[in-house]
């Protein structure tokens, strides 16, 4: 049986944590920061874990990640 391929878009954007959750970068930070509130910019630093529903979409695209 040949190896399954990982979606290139997923390997660039997501990681799987040790507990099996999907980690992604925060959304809404590419441009337009001047109109965002200071609170939004502060809260959108770093990474976040996806919801269970979003994980079900991403995980099949990454077959070899735990």
N, C-alpha and C. Protein backbone atom coordinates (compact mmCIF):
# COMPACT_ATOMS: atom_id res chain seq x y z
N UNK A 1 0.85 -1.19 0.00
CA UNK A 1 0.00 0.00 0.00
C UNK A 1 0.90 1.25 0.00
N UNK A 2 0.66 2.20 -0.89
CA UNK A 2 1.51 3.41 -0.89
C UNK A 2 1.22 4.30 0.30
N UNK A 3 2.19 5.16 0.59
CA UNK A 3 2.02 6.10 1.70
C UNK A 3 0.94 7.12 1.37
N UNK A 4 0.23 7.57 2.40
CA UNK A 4 -0.75 8.65 2.22
C UNK A 4 -0.01 9.97 2.26
N UNK A 5 -0.52 10.94 1.52
CA UNK A 5 0.12 12.25 1.51
C UNK A 5 -0.54 13.18 2.52
N UNK A 6 0.28 14.00 3.15
CA UNK A 6 -0.21 15.06 4.04
C UNK A 6 -0.51 16.27 3.17
N UNK A 7 -1.64 16.94 3.43
CA UNK A 7 -1.96 18.17 2.70
C UNK A 7 -0.90 19.22 2.98
N UNK A 8 -0.34 19.81 1.93
CA UNK A 8 0.72 20.80 2.09
C UNK A 8 0.24 22.00 2.87
N UNK A 9 -1.00 22.40 2.66
CA UNK A 9 -1.52 23.58 3.37
C UNK A 9 -1.60 23.31 4.87
N UNK A 10 -1.92 22.08 5.26
CA UNK A 10 -2.03 21.75 6.68
C UNK A 10 -0.66 21.66 7.34
N UNK A 11 0.32 21.10 6.63
CA UNK A 11 1.63 20.96 7.25
C UNK A 11 2.27 22.32 7.49
N UNK A 12 1.88 23.33 6.69
CA UNK A 12 2.41 24.67 6.87
C UNK A 12 1.71 25.43 8.00
N UNK A 13 0.45 25.12 8.25
CA UNK A 13 -0.36 25.94 9.14
C UNK A 13 -0.66 25.36 10.51
N UNK A 14 -0.57 24.03 10.66
CA UNK A 14 -1.02 23.39 11.89
C UNK A 14 0.05 22.47 12.47
N UNK A 15 -0.01 22.30 13.80
CA UNK A 15 0.81 21.33 14.52
C UNK A 15 -0.11 20.54 15.43
N UNK A 16 0.31 19.34 15.80
CA UNK A 16 -0.45 18.55 16.75
C UNK A 16 0.28 18.59 18.09
N UNK A 17 -0.44 18.91 19.16
CA UNK A 17 0.17 18.99 20.48
C UNK A 17 0.38 17.58 21.04
N UNK A 18 1.06 17.50 22.16
CA UNK A 18 1.33 16.21 22.79
C UNK A 18 0.05 15.51 23.21
N UNK A 19 -0.98 16.28 23.56
CA UNK A 19 -2.25 15.68 23.97
C UNK A 19 -3.16 15.38 22.78
N UNK A 20 -2.70 15.71 21.57
CA UNK A 20 -3.49 15.37 20.38
C UNK A 20 -4.37 16.49 19.85
N UNK A 21 -4.31 17.67 20.46
CA UNK A 21 -5.10 18.80 19.97
C UNK A 21 -4.37 19.47 18.82
N UNK A 22 -5.11 20.20 17.98
CA UNK A 22 -4.51 20.88 16.83
C UNK A 22 -4.20 22.33 17.23
N UNK A 23 -2.95 22.76 16.97
CA UNK A 23 -2.50 24.10 17.30
C UNK A 23 -2.40 24.90 16.00
N UNK A 24 -2.93 26.13 16.02
CA UNK A 24 -2.89 26.99 14.84
C UNK A 24 -2.55 28.41 15.26
N UNK A 25 -2.11 29.20 14.31
CA UNK A 25 -1.85 30.61 14.57
C UNK A 25 -3.16 31.36 14.72
N UNK A 26 -3.12 32.48 15.40
CA UNK A 26 -4.31 33.29 15.60
C UNK A 26 -4.75 33.93 14.29
N UNK A 27 -6.04 34.03 14.07
CA UNK A 27 -6.58 34.62 12.85
C UNK A 27 -6.72 36.13 12.98
N UNK A 28 -6.73 36.81 11.85
CA UNK A 28 -7.05 38.23 11.82
C UNK A 28 -5.89 39.15 12.13
N UNK A 29 -4.64 38.70 11.92
CA UNK A 29 -3.50 39.54 12.27
C UNK A 29 -2.61 39.88 11.08
N UNK A 30 -3.08 39.65 9.84
CA UNK A 30 -2.19 39.90 8.71
C UNK A 30 -2.10 41.38 8.34
N UNK A 31 -3.21 42.08 8.44
CA UNK A 31 -3.21 43.50 8.09
C UNK A 31 -4.39 44.17 8.76
N UNK A 32 -4.45 45.50 8.67
CA UNK A 32 -5.57 46.23 9.26
C UNK A 32 -5.49 46.35 10.77
N UNK A 33 -4.28 46.38 11.33
CA UNK A 33 -4.14 46.44 12.78
C UNK A 33 -4.58 47.78 13.36
N UNK A 34 -4.57 48.81 12.54
CA UNK A 34 -4.90 50.14 13.05
C UNK A 34 -6.37 50.23 13.49
N UNK A 35 -7.21 49.44 12.84
CA UNK A 35 -8.63 49.48 13.21
C UNK A 35 -9.00 48.48 14.30
N UNK A 36 -8.09 47.60 14.65
CA UNK A 36 -8.35 46.63 15.71
C UNK A 36 -8.14 47.28 17.07
N UNK A 37 -8.85 46.77 18.06
CA UNK A 37 -8.67 47.30 19.41
C UNK A 37 -7.38 46.75 20.00
N UNK A 38 -6.86 47.47 20.98
CA UNK A 38 -5.64 47.02 21.67
C UNK A 38 -5.87 45.67 22.33
N UNK A 39 -7.07 45.48 22.86
CA UNK A 39 -7.40 44.22 23.52
C UNK A 39 -7.37 43.06 22.52
N UNK A 40 -7.88 43.26 21.31
CA UNK A 40 -7.86 42.21 20.29
C UNK A 40 -6.43 41.83 19.94
N UNK A 41 -5.59 42.83 19.72
CA UNK A 41 -4.20 42.58 19.34
C UNK A 41 -3.47 41.82 20.44
N UNK A 42 -3.72 42.20 21.69
CA UNK A 42 -3.11 41.54 22.84
C UNK A 42 -3.56 40.08 22.93
N UNK A 43 -4.84 39.85 22.78
CA UNK A 43 -5.39 38.50 22.92
C UNK A 43 -5.05 37.60 21.75
N UNK A 44 -4.69 38.18 20.61
CA UNK A 44 -4.42 37.38 19.42
C UNK A 44 -2.93 37.08 19.24
N UNK A 45 -2.13 37.23 20.28
CA UNK A 45 -0.71 36.88 20.19
C UNK A 45 -0.54 35.37 20.20
N UNK A 46 0.54 34.92 19.62
CA UNK A 46 0.91 33.51 19.72
C UNK A 46 -0.01 32.58 18.97
N UNK A 47 -0.29 31.42 19.55
CA UNK A 47 -1.09 30.39 18.89
C UNK A 47 -2.31 30.06 19.74
N UNK A 48 -3.20 29.28 19.15
CA UNK A 48 -4.41 28.85 19.85
C UNK A 48 -4.72 27.41 19.48
N UNK A 49 -5.52 26.73 20.28
CA UNK A 49 -5.96 25.37 19.93
C UNK A 49 -7.31 25.46 19.24
N UNK A 50 -7.50 24.62 18.25
CA UNK A 50 -8.75 24.63 17.50
C UNK A 50 -9.85 23.91 18.28
N UNK A 51 -11.08 24.21 17.91
CA UNK A 51 -12.21 23.54 18.54
C UNK A 51 -12.30 22.10 18.05
N UNK A 52 -13.08 21.29 18.72
CA UNK A 52 -13.23 19.88 18.36
C UNK A 52 -13.77 19.74 16.94
N UNK A 53 -14.73 20.58 16.56
CA UNK A 53 -15.32 20.51 15.23
C UNK A 53 -14.29 20.82 14.15
N UNK A 54 -13.43 21.80 14.40
CA UNK A 54 -12.39 22.14 13.42
C UNK A 54 -11.31 21.06 13.37
N UNK A 55 -11.04 20.43 14.51
CA UNK A 55 -10.04 19.35 14.54
C UNK A 55 -10.47 18.19 13.65
N UNK A 56 -11.76 17.90 13.62
CA UNK A 56 -12.25 16.79 12.81
C UNK A 56 -12.04 17.04 11.33
N UNK A 57 -11.94 18.31 10.93
CA UNK A 57 -11.69 18.65 9.53
C UNK A 57 -10.20 18.51 9.22
N UNK A 58 -9.35 18.96 10.14
CA UNK A 58 -7.91 19.04 9.89
C UNK A 58 -7.21 17.69 10.04
N UNK A 59 -7.56 16.91 11.05
CA UNK A 59 -6.82 15.68 11.36
C UNK A 59 -6.77 14.67 10.21
N UNK A 60 -7.84 14.46 9.44
CA UNK A 60 -7.72 13.51 8.31
C UNK A 60 -6.73 13.96 7.24
N UNK A 61 -6.46 15.24 7.18
CA UNK A 61 -5.52 15.75 6.18
C UNK A 61 -4.07 15.57 6.61
N UNK A 62 -3.86 15.17 7.87
CA UNK A 62 -2.52 14.95 8.41
C UNK A 62 -2.43 13.52 8.95
N UNK A 63 -2.33 12.53 8.07
CA UNK A 63 -2.46 11.14 8.52
C UNK A 63 -1.34 10.65 9.44
N UNK A 64 -0.14 11.22 9.36
CA UNK A 64 0.98 10.70 10.15
C UNK A 64 1.29 11.52 11.38
N UNK A 65 0.41 12.43 11.74
CA UNK A 65 0.62 13.20 12.97
C UNK A 65 -0.16 12.52 14.06
N UNK A 66 0.53 11.97 15.05
CA UNK A 66 -0.05 11.23 16.17
C UNK A 66 -1.53 11.06 16.13
